Amino acid sequence: MDYITVKQTAEKWGVTPRWVQALIKRGSIEGAVRFGRDWMIPKNAAKPADGRKNNRRCPKKEINA
């Protein structure tokens, strides 16, 4: 199995390396393995869905000109 680093995964998914580390910590990335102090992610790992939700109280109102 081929592995890539956290930094490479972040570039591939368009997120920050810290966000990838947070996903690993939560267990959202299946197959992630720790080698010493570095994490390696399977090359074919799918990006988990973003579970955060928009907590806006009022949606933006459209202004008709």
C-alpha atoms as a PDB file:
ATOM      1  CA  MET A   1       0.000   0.000   0.000  1.00  0.00           C
ATOM      2  CA  ASP A   2       1.266   3.470  -0.876  1.00  0.00           C
ATOM      3  CA  TYR A   3       1.256   6.186   1.781  1.00  0.00           C
ATOM      4  CA  ILE A   4       1.558   9.975   1.637  1.00  0.00           C
ATOM      5  CA  THR A   5       2.371  12.512   4.337  1.00  0.00           C
ATOM      6  CA  VAL A   6      -0.019  14.833   6.151  1.00  0.00           C
ATOM      7  CA  LYS A   7       1.299  17.770   4.130  1.00  0.00           C
ATOM      8  CA  GLN A   8       0.774  15.981   0.822  1.00  0.00           C
ATOM      9  CA  THR A   9      -2.729  14.951   1.877  1.00  0.00           C
ATOM     10  CA  ALA A  10      -3.573  18.543   2.837  1.00  0.00           C
ATOM     11  CA  GLU A  11      -2.440  19.791  -0.574  1.00  0.00           C
ATOM     12  CA  LYS A  12      -4.414  17.051  -2.326  1.00  0.00           C
ATOM     13  CA  TRP A  13      -7.640  17.836  -0.405  1.00  0.00           C
ATOM     14  CA  GLY A  14      -7.194  21.625  -0.349  1.00  0.00           C
ATOM     15  CA  VAL A  15      -7.107  21.953   3.446  1.00  0.00           C
ATOM     16  CA  THR A  16      -4.457  22.769   6.043  1.00  0.00           C
ATOM     17  CA  PRO A  17      -2.131  20.128   7.507  1.00  0.00           C
ATOM     18  CA  ARG A  18      -3.575  20.903  10.953  1.00  0.00           C
ATOM     19  CA  TRP A  19      -7.072  20.017   9.733  1.00  0.00           C
ATOM     20  CA  VAL A  20      -5.773  16.676   8.416  1.00  0.00           C
ATOM     21  CA  GLN A  21      -4.191  16.029  11.830  1.00  0.00           C
ATOM     22  CA  ALA A  22      -7.508  16.827  13.517  1.00  0.00           C
ATOM     23  CA  LEU A  23      -9.305  14.378  11.224  1.00  0.00           C
ATOM     24  CA  ILE A  24      -6.748  11.698  12.102  1.00  0.00           C
ATOM     25  CA  LYS A  25      -7.205  12.380  15.815  1.00  0.00           C
ATOM     26  CA  ARG A  26     -10.985  11.958  15.454  1.00  0.00           C
ATOM     27  CA  GLY A  27     -10.522   8.693  13.584  1.00  0.00           C
ATOM     28  CA  SER A  28     -12.104  10.051  10.406  1.00  0.00           C
ATOM     29  CA  ILE A  29      -9.297   8.883   8.116  1.00  0.00           C
ATOM     30  CA  GLU A  30      -9.307   5.129   7.848  1.00  0.00           C
ATOM     31  CA  GLY A  31      -5.933   3.432   7.486  1.00  0.00           C
ATOM     32  CA  ALA A  32      -3.788   6.286   8.860  1.00  0.00           C
ATOM     33  CA  VAL A  33      -0.640   4.916  10.457  1.00  0.00           C
ATOM     34  CA  ARG A  34       1.890   6.566  12.731  1.00  0.00           C
ATOM     35  CA  PHE A  35       5.585   6.090  11.954  1.00  0.00           C
ATOM     36  CA  GLY A  36       7.539   7.549  14.860  1.00  0.00           C
ATOM     37  CA  ARG A  37       6.106  11.042  15.242  1.00  0.00           C
ATOM     38  CA  ASP A  38       4.775  11.357  11.676  1.00  0.00           C
ATOM     39  CA  TRP A  39       1.422  10.234  10.321  1.00  0.00           C
ATOM     40  CA  MET A  40       1.109   8.497   6.968  1.00  0.00           C
ATOM     41  CA  ILE A  41      -2.194   8.352   5.129  1.00  0.00           C
ATOM     42  CA  PRO A  42      -3.094   5.808   2.434  1.00  0.00           C
ATOM     43  CA  LYS A  43      -2.730   7.390  -1.006  1.00  0.00           C
ATOM     44  CA  ASN A  44      -6.248   6.317  -1.981  1.00  0.00           C
ATOM     45  CA  ALA A  45      -7.931   7.577   1.238  1.00  0.00           C
ATOM     46  CA  ALA A  46     -11.118   9.534   0.616  1.00  0.00           C
ATOM     47  CA  LYS A  47     -11.602  12.990   2.112  1.00  0.00           C
ATOM     48  CA  PRO A  48     -14.163  12.755   4.951  1.00  0.00           C
ATOM     49  CA  ALA A  49     -17.258  14.940   4.737  1.00  0.00           C
ATOM     50  CA  ASP A  50     -17.074  18.190   6.687  1.00  0.00           C
ATOM     51  CA  GLY A  51     -19.423  17.679   9.624  1.00  0.00           C
ATOM     52  CA  ARG A  52     -19.425  21.287  10.750  1.00  0.00           C
ATOM     53  CA  LYS A  53     -22.657  23.131  10.171  1.00  0.00           C
ATOM     54  CA  ASN A  54     -23.394  26.753   9.501  1.00  0.00           C
ATOM     55  CA  ASN A  55     -24.711  28.325  12.698  1.00  0.00           C
ATOM     56  CA  ARG A  56     -25.818  31.599  11.187  1.00  0.00           C
ATOM     57  CA  ARG A  57     -28.947  32.890  12.869  1.00  0.00           C
ATOM     58  CA  CYS A  58     -30.178  34.977   9.961  1.00  0.00           C
ATOM     59  CA  PRO A  59     -29.432  34.261   6.334  1.00  0.00           C
ATOM     60  CA  LYS A  60     -28.279  37.201   4.246  1.00  0.00           C
ATOM     61  CA  LYS A  61     -31.155  39.156   2.773  1.00  0.00           C
ATOM     62  CA  GLU A  62     -31.103  39.851  -0.923  1.00  0.00           C
ATOM     63  CA  ILE A  63     -31.221  43.500  -1.845  1.00  0.00           C
ATOM     64  CA  ASN A  64     -33.191  44.197  -4.997  1.00  0.00           C
ATOM     65  CA  ALA A  65     -31.861  47.196  -6.882  1.00  0.00           C
END
